[in-house]
Amino acid sequence: MKTTVEIPDALLREARSYASARGLTFKAVLESSLRRTLEAERTPARPFRLRKHAFKGRGLAIEGGWKAIREQIYRGRGE
């Protein structure tokens, strides 16, 4: 089907340049863009939900505390 669409000159130039650089026709770029827009509206993305994780215990249990941990991390690396 044919239709007439008014597009701002700058947008048209950019779209034609985009199509040309990729070896596509302006029609193909317009059709692809329209399909993507309609598809995005049709299937909205589910919002991200971070799952809650909790661990039982009393935290880090290394004798000597943070100083001992630091020594273990840097052992053999220039201490």
Protein backbone atom coordinates (compact mmCIF):
# COMPACT_ATOMS: atom_id res chain seq x y z
CA MET A 1 0.00 0.00 0.00
CA LYS A 2 1.24 3.50 -0.71
CA THR A 3 0.86 6.43 1.62
CA THR A 4 2.24 9.92 2.03
CA VAL A 5 4.13 10.86 5.18
CA GLU A 6 5.56 14.25 6.08
CA ILE A 7 9.03 13.93 7.60
CA PRO A 8 11.26 16.84 8.67
CA ASP A 9 14.06 17.44 6.14
CA ALA A 10 16.87 16.81 8.64
CA LEU A 11 15.34 13.49 9.73
CA LEU A 12 14.85 12.41 6.13
CA ARG A 13 18.48 13.22 5.28
CA GLU A 14 19.70 11.30 8.32
CA ALA A 15 17.50 8.28 7.51
CA ARG A 16 18.64 8.23 3.88
CA SER A 17 22.28 8.50 4.96
CA TYR A 18 21.77 5.66 7.45
CA ALA A 19 20.17 3.48 4.77
CA SER A 20 22.86 4.25 2.21
CA ALA A 21 25.70 3.47 4.62
CA ARG A 22 24.18 0.04 5.25
CA GLY A 23 23.19 -0.78 1.69
CA LEU A 24 19.48 -0.54 2.46
CA THR A 25 16.62 1.33 0.90
CA PHE A 26 14.89 4.15 2.73
CA LYS A 27 11.70 2.08 2.54
CA ALA A 28 13.41 -0.85 4.32
CA VAL A 29 14.68 1.42 7.11
CA LEU A 30 11.26 3.02 7.55
CA GLU A 31 9.48 -0.34 7.58
CA SER A 32 11.95 -1.89 10.03
CA SER A 33 11.70 1.09 12.38
CA LEU A 34 7.93 1.05 12.30
CA ARG A 35 7.81 -2.70 12.99
CA ARG A 36 10.19 -2.34 15.98
CA THR A 37 8.14 0.50 17.43
CA LEU A 38 4.87 -1.40 17.11
CA GLU A 39 6.38 -4.61 18.51
CA ALA A 40 7.75 -2.75 21.54
CA GLU A 41 4.28 -1.39 22.25
CA ARG A 42 2.68 -4.81 21.80
CA THR A 43 4.84 -6.67 24.31
CA PRO A 44 5.91 -4.44 27.18
CA ALA A 45 8.99 -5.59 29.02
CA ARG A 46 8.48 -6.93 32.51
CA PRO A 47 10.13 -4.72 35.09
CA PHE A 48 13.32 -6.09 36.61
CA ARG A 49 12.90 -7.46 40.11
CA LEU A 50 15.86 -8.29 42.27
CA ARG A 51 15.25 -11.46 44.22
CA LYS A 52 15.69 -11.23 47.95
CA HIS A 53 18.48 -13.40 49.34
CA ALA A 54 19.24 -13.78 52.99
CA PHE A 55 21.77 -16.02 54.65
CA LYS A 56 21.72 -17.24 58.19
CA GLY A 57 24.80 -17.01 60.28
CA ARG A 58 26.91 -14.50 62.08
CA GLY A 59 28.81 -13.07 59.15
CA LEU A 60 32.47 -13.50 58.37
CA ALA A 61 34.20 -15.84 60.81
CA ILE A 62 37.97 -15.69 60.34
CA GLU A 63 40.24 -15.62 63.31
CA GLY A 64 42.12 -12.36 63.41
CA GLY A 65 39.41 -10.35 61.66
CA TRP A 66 40.01 -7.99 58.77
CA LYS A 67 43.74 -7.78 59.34
CA ALA A 68 44.07 -11.55 58.83
CA ILE A 69 41.89 -11.38 55.72
CA ARG A 70 44.03 -8.60 54.23
CA GLU A 71 47.20 -10.55 54.93
CA GLN A 72 45.76 -13.62 53.17
CA ILE A 73 44.70 -11.58 50.13
CA TYR A 74 48.07 -9.89 49.68
CA ARG A 75 50.29 -12.86 50.61
CA GLY A 76 52.78 -13.38 47.78
CA ARG A 77 51.83 -10.12 46.05
CA GLY A 78 54.36 -7.69 47.40
CA GLU A 79 52.82 -7.66 50.86
